[in-house]
Protein backbone atom coordinates (compact mmCIF):
# COMPACT_ATOMS: atom_id res chain seq x y z
CA UNK A 1 109.13 107.57 101.00
CA UNK A 2 109.94 106.21 98.07
CA UNK A 3 106.92 107.93 96.11
CA UNK A 4 108.03 110.97 97.30
CA UNK A 5 111.11 111.14 95.68
CA UNK A 6 109.94 109.74 92.69
CA UNK A 7 107.49 112.66 92.71
CA UNK A 8 110.06 115.38 93.54
CA UNK A 9 112.11 113.77 90.84
CA UNK A 10 109.03 114.31 88.33
CA UNK A 11 108.49 117.65 89.52
CA UNK A 12 112.07 118.85 88.74
CA UNK A 13 111.93 117.43 85.22
CA UNK A 14 108.47 119.26 84.85
CA UNK A 15 109.87 122.19 85.98
CA UNK A 16 113.17 122.03 83.82
CA UNK A 17 110.87 121.44 80.76
CA UNK A 18 108.60 124.61 81.12
CA UNK A 19 111.65 126.89 81.94
CA UNK A 20 112.84 125.89 78.13
CA UNK A 21 109.20 127.28 76.74
CA UNK A 22 107.70 131.01 76.26
CA UNK A 23 105.64 132.25 79.55
CA UNK A 24 102.50 132.20 77.62
CA UNK A 25 102.79 128.47 76.77
CA UNK A 26 103.56 127.60 80.27
CA UNK A 27 100.86 129.60 81.59
CA UNK A 28 98.51 127.80 78.89
CA UNK A 29 99.44 124.81 79.86
CA UNK A 30 98.92 125.53 83.33
CA UNK A 31 95.20 126.58 83.10
CA UNK A 32 94.76 123.60 81.11
CA UNK A 33 96.13 121.47 84.15
CA UNK A 34 94.00 123.30 86.48
CA UNK A 35 90.86 122.69 84.55
CA UNK A 36 91.29 119.15 84.05
CA UNK A 37 91.96 119.26 88.03
CA UNK A 38 88.49 121.31 88.49
CA UNK A 39 86.53 118.75 86.22
CA UNK A 40 87.86 115.72 88.12
CA UNK A 41 87.23 117.01 91.45
CA UNK A 42 83.34 117.80 90.26
CA UNK A 43 83.07 114.36 88.90
CA UNK A 44 84.44 112.70 91.60
CA UNK A 45 82.24 114.68 94.32
CA UNK A 46 78.97 114.36 91.80
CA UNK A 47 79.79 110.65 91.51
CA UNK A 48 80.06 109.91 95.20
CA UNK A 49 76.90 111.72 95.95
CA UNK A 50 75.07 109.53 93.70
CA UNK A 51 76.89 106.24 94.90
CA UNK A 52 75.54 107.61 98.38
CA UNK A 53 71.99 108.10 97.33
CA UNK A 54 71.65 104.91 95.54
CA UNK A 55 73.27 102.93 98.42
CA UNK A 56 70.38 103.89 100.81
CA UNK A 57 67.81 103.08 98.02
CA UNK A 58 68.70 99.08 97.77
CA UNK A 59 68.34 98.59 101.67
CA UNK A 60 64.80 100.07 102.33
CA UNK A 61 65.94 103.30 102.48
CA UNK A 62 66.28 105.74 105.18
CA UNK A 63 66.24 103.97 108.56
């Protein structure tokens, strides 16, 4: 519960900061964050598949 309160507090601070910058700057910042999250998601999915494939190789392959 404390984590949720802290997350909402940080969200409020960030939205307050974005309210004071020009709209194009806010849009560019939002797109940069979205791109970063997309790259992170793709890397996590790819590394998860690679780890699962390696795990099967070490014990004699498929059972």
